[in-house]
Amino acid sequence: MGARPRTRYARSGDYSIAYQVVGDAHLDLVLVWGFVSHLEYAWED
């Protein structure tokens, strides 16, 4: 697996949503692991 992408944040009112951009394909994909999850843990072994 390559380098871990930078975690960015989108704000909506009082909330922050973490996201990462991986690759540069013609199609965007949004992956939601569950109701509440930690984005950084997805890159752990």
PDB file of N, CA and C in Angstrom:
ATOM      1  N   MET A   1       0.846  -1.166   0.000  1.00  0.00           N
ATOM      2  CA  MET A   1       0.000   0.000   0.000  1.00  0.00           C
ATOM      3  C   MET A   1       0.893   1.230   0.000  1.00  0.00           C
ATOM      4  N   GLY A   2       0.465   2.276  -0.700  1.00  0.00           N
ATOM      5  CA  GLY A   2       1.247   3.497  -0.799  1.00  0.00           C
ATOM      6  C   GLY A   2       1.184   4.334   0.458  1.00  0.00           C
ATOM      7  N   ALA A   3       1.673   5.547   0.332  1.00  0.00           N
ATOM      8  CA  ALA A   3       1.678   6.472   1.467  1.00  0.00           C
ATOM      9  C   ALA A   3       0.250   6.823   1.882  1.00  0.00           C
ATOM     10  N   ARG A   4       0.077   7.064   3.149  1.00  0.00           N
ATOM     11  CA  ARG A   4      -1.231   7.437   3.688  1.00  0.00           C
ATOM     12  C   ARG A   4      -1.588   8.845   3.205  1.00  0.00           C
ATOM     13  N   PRO A   5      -2.779   9.016   2.627  1.00  0.00           N
ATOM     14  CA  PRO A   5      -3.154  10.351   2.142  1.00  0.00           C
ATOM     15  C   PRO A   5      -3.440  11.315   3.286  1.00  0.00           C
ATOM     16  N   ARG A   6      -3.338  12.593   2.998  1.00  0.00           N
ATOM     17  CA  ARG A   6      -3.605  13.637   3.982  1.00  0.00           C
ATOM     18  C   ARG A   6      -5.095  13.648   4.317  1.00  0.00           C
ATOM     19  N   THR A   7      -5.414  13.784   5.582  1.00  0.00           N
ATOM     20  CA  THR A   7      -6.806  13.898   6.014  1.00  0.00           C
ATOM     21  C   THR A   7      -7.220  15.358   5.934  1.00  0.00           C
ATOM     22  N   ARG A   8      -8.315  15.612   5.263  1.00  0.00           N
ATOM     23  CA  ARG A   8      -8.858  16.964   5.110  1.00  0.00           C
ATOM     24  C   ARG A   8     -10.222  17.006   5.786  1.00  0.00           C
ATOM     25  N   TYR A   9     -10.751  18.196   5.976  1.00  0.00           N
ATOM     26  CA  TYR A   9     -12.028  18.343   6.680  1.00  0.00           C
ATOM     27  C   TYR A   9     -12.947  19.293   5.928  1.00  0.00           C
ATOM     28  N   ALA A  10     -14.199  18.885   5.806  1.00  0.00           N
ATOM     29  CA  ALA A  10     -15.251  19.741   5.255  1.00  0.00           C
ATOM     30  C   ALA A  10     -16.154  20.134   6.413  1.00  0.00           C
ATOM     31  N   ARG A  11     -16.524  21.394   6.468  1.00  0.00           N
ATOM     32  CA  ARG A  11     -17.375  21.871   7.566  1.00  0.00           C
ATOM     33  C   ARG A  11     -18.808  22.028   7.086  1.00  0.00           C
ATOM     34  N   SER A  12     -19.715  21.673   7.988  1.00  0.00           N
ATOM     35  CA  SER A  12     -21.141  21.882   7.758  1.00  0.00           C
ATOM     36  C   SER A  12     -21.737  22.351   9.076  1.00  0.00           C
ATOM     37  N   GLY A  13     -21.933  23.648   9.207  1.00  0.00           N
ATOM     38  CA  GLY A  13     -22.416  24.193  10.474  1.00  0.00           C
ATOM     39  C   GLY A  13     -21.382  23.975  11.561  1.00  0.00           C
ATOM     40  N   ASP A  14     -21.782  23.320  12.645  1.00  0.00           N
ATOM     41  CA  ASP A  14     -20.879  23.038  13.764  1.00  0.00           C
ATOM     42  C   ASP A  14     -20.126  21.723  13.605  1.00  0.00           C
ATOM     43  N   TYR A  15     -20.316  21.020  12.500  1.00  0.00           N
ATOM     44  CA  TYR A  15     -19.734  19.692  12.316  1.00  0.00           C
ATOM     45  C   TYR A  15     -18.587  19.724  11.321  1.00  0.00           C
ATOM     46  N   SER A  16     -17.609  18.839  11.538  1.00  0.00           N
ATOM     47  CA  SER A  16     -16.506  18.644  10.599  1.00  0.00           C
ATOM     48  C   SER A  16     -16.544  17.203  10.116  1.00  0.00           C
ATOM     49  N   ILE A  17     -16.451  17.018   8.811  1.00  0.00           N
ATOM     50  CA  ILE A  17     -16.446  15.694   8.201  1.00  0.00           C
ATOM     51  C   ILE A  17     -15.050  15.459   7.631  1.00  0.00           C
ATOM     52  N   ALA A  18     -14.382  14.399   8.081  1.00  0.00           N
ATOM     53  CA  ALA A  18     -13.043  14.079   7.582  1.00  0.00           C
ATOM     54  C   ALA A  18     -13.160  13.338   6.252  1.00  0.00           C
ATOM     55  N   TYR A  19     -12.228  13.632   5.342  1.00  0.00           N
ATOM     56  CA  TYR A  19     -12.185  12.900   4.079  1.00  0.00           C
ATOM     57  C   TYR A  19     -10.749  12.841   3.579  1.00  0.00           C
ATOM     58  N   GLN A  20     -10.495  11.899   2.683  1.00  0.00           N
ATOM     59  CA  GLN A  20      -9.188  11.759   2.049  1.00  0.00           C
ATOM     60  C   GLN A  20      -9.396  11.582   0.553  1.00  0.00           C
ATOM     61  N   VAL A  21      -8.477  12.093  -0.229  1.00  0.00           N
ATOM     62  CA  VAL A  21      -8.512  11.941  -1.675  1.00  0.00           C
ATOM     63  C   VAL A  21      -7.405  10.969  -2.050  1.00  0.00           C
ATOM     64  N   VAL A  22      -7.787   9.885  -2.747  1.00  0.00           N
ATOM     65  CA  VAL A  22      -6.827   8.860  -3.156  1.00  0.00           C
ATOM     66  C   VAL A  22      -6.976   8.647  -4.656  1.00  0.00           C
ATOM     67  N   GLY A  23      -5.912   8.824  -5.413  1.00  0.00           N
ATOM     68  CA  GLY A  23      -5.955   8.600  -6.853  1.00  0.00           C
ATOM     69  C   GLY A  23      -6.547   9.774  -7.616  1.00  0.00           C
ATOM     70  N   ASP A  24      -6.698   9.561  -8.928  1.00  0.00           N
ATOM     71  CA  ASP A  24      -7.219  10.625  -9.793  1.00  0.00           C
ATOM     72  C   ASP A  24      -8.054  10.050 -10.935  1.00  0.00           C
ATOM     73  N   ALA A  25      -8.918   9.108 -10.633  1.00  0.00           N
ATOM     74  CA  ALA A  25      -9.758   8.465 -11.649  1.00  0.00           C
ATOM     75  C   ALA A  25     -10.840   9.421 -12.144  1.00  0.00           C
ATOM     76  N   HIS A  26     -11.514   9.022 -13.203  1.00  0.00           N
ATOM     77  CA  HIS A  26     -12.585   9.838 -13.782  1.00  0.00           C
ATOM     78  C   HIS A  26     -13.871   9.767 -12.968  1.00  0.00           C
ATOM     79  N   LEU A  27     -13.957   8.801 -12.075  1.00  0.00           N
ATOM     80  CA  LEU A  27     -15.156   8.589 -11.267  1.00  0.00           C
ATOM     81  C   LEU A  27     -14.829   8.817  -9.797  1.00  0.00           C
ATOM     82  N   ASP A  28     -15.648   9.579  -9.108  1.00  0.00           N
ATOM     83  CA  ASP A  28     -15.467   9.789  -7.670  1.00  0.00           C
ATOM     84  C   ASP A  28     -16.255   8.730  -6.910  1.00  0.00           C
ATOM     85  N   LEU A  29     -15.686   8.253  -5.821  1.00  0.00           N
ATOM     86  CA  LEU A  29     -16.311   7.223  -4.998  1.00  0.00           C
ATOM     87  C   LEU A  29     -16.285   7.688  -3.554  1.00  0.00           C
ATOM     88  N   VAL A  30     -17.403   7.590  -2.889  1.00  0.00           N
ATOM     89  CA  VAL A  30     -17.485   7.920  -1.469  1.00  0.00           C
ATOM     90  C   VAL A  30     -17.666   6.614  -0.720  1.00  0.00           C
ATOM     91  N   LEU A  31     -16.782   6.346   0.228  1.00  0.00           N
ATOM     92  CA  LEU A  31     -16.834   5.118   1.013  1.00  0.00           C
ATOM     93  C   LEU A  31     -17.162   5.479   2.450  1.00  0.00           C
ATOM     94  N   VAL A  32     -18.237   4.916   2.958  1.00  0.00           N
ATOM     95  CA  VAL A  32     -18.662   5.158   4.334  1.00  0.00           C
ATOM     96  C   VAL A  32     -18.557   3.833   5.072  1.00  0.00           C
ATOM     97  N   TRP A  33     -17.664   3.768   6.072  1.00  0.00           N
ATOM     98  CA  TRP A  33     -17.413   2.523   6.793  1.00  0.00           C
ATOM     99  C   TRP A  33     -18.534   2.175   7.758  1.00  0.00           C
ATOM    100  N   GLY A  34     -19.189   3.117   8.298  1.00  0.00           N
ATOM    101  CA  GLY A  34     -20.244   2.881   9.275  1.00  0.00           C
ATOM    102  C   GLY A  34     -20.775   4.212   9.759  1.00  0.00           C
ATOM    103  N   PHE A  35     -21.685   4.177  10.689  1.00  0.00           N
ATOM    104  CA  PHE A  35     -22.291   5.417  11.173  1.00  0.00           C
ATOM    105  C   PHE A  35     -21.226   6.351  11.742  1.00  0.00           C
ATOM    106  N   VAL A  36     -20.366   5.826  12.600  1.00  0.00           N
ATOM    107  CA  VAL A  36     -19.261   6.597  13.165  1.00  0.00           C
ATOM    108  C   VAL A  36     -18.003   5.760  13.002  1.00  0.00           C
ATOM    109  N   SER A  37     -16.981   6.331  12.407  1.00  0.00           N
ATOM    110  CA  SER A  37     -15.727   5.600  12.229  1.00  0.00           C
ATOM    111  C   SER A  37     -14.568   6.591  12.290  1.00  0.00           C
ATOM    112  N   HIS A  38     -13.365   6.066  12.345  1.00  0.00           N
ATOM    113  CA  HIS A  38     -12.156   6.887  12.396  1.00  0.00           C
ATOM    114  C   HIS A  38     -11.391   6.657  11.102  1.00  0.00           C
ATOM    115  N   LEU A  39     -11.299   7.662  10.277  1.00  0.00           N
ATOM    116  CA  LEU A  39     -10.706   7.551   8.952  1.00  0.00           C
ATOM    117  C   LEU A  39      -9.268   7.062   8.990  1.00  0.00           C
ATOM    118  N   GLU A  40      -8.492   7.501   9.954  1.00  0.00           N
ATOM    119  CA  GLU A  40      -7.083   7.108  10.039  1.00  0.00           C
ATOM    120  C   GLU A  40      -6.924   5.605  10.298  1.00  0.00           C
ATOM    121  N   TYR A  41      -7.859   4.980  10.992  1.00  0.00           N
ATOM    122  CA  TYR A  41      -7.771   3.545  11.287  1.00  0.00           C
ATOM    123  C   TYR A  41      -7.907   2.688  10.033  1.00  0.00           C
ATOM    124  N   ALA A  42      -8.498   3.210   8.983  1.00  0.00           N
ATOM    125  CA  ALA A  42      -8.664   2.448   7.743  1.00  0.00           C
ATOM    126  C   ALA A  42      -7.320   2.092   7.117  1.00  0.00           C
ATOM    127  N   TRP A  43      -6.258   2.816   7.439  1.00  0.00           N
ATOM    128  CA  TRP A  43      -4.942   2.581   6.851  1.00  0.00           C
ATOM    129  C   TRP A  43      -4.051   1.706   7.722  1.00  0.00           C
ATOM    130  N   GLU A  44      -4.538   1.261   8.875  1.00  0.00           N
ATOM    131  CA  GLU A  44      -3.762   0.382   9.751  1.00  0.00           C
ATOM    132  C   GLU A  44      -3.712  -1.018   9.157  1.00  0.00           C
ATOM    133  N   ASP A  45      -2.676  -1.764   9.486  1.00  0.00           N
ATOM    134  CA  ASP A  45      -2.545  -3.155   9.012  1.00  0.00           C
ATOM    135  C   ASP A  45      -3.560  -4.048   9.648  1.00  0.00           C
TER     136      ASP A  45
END
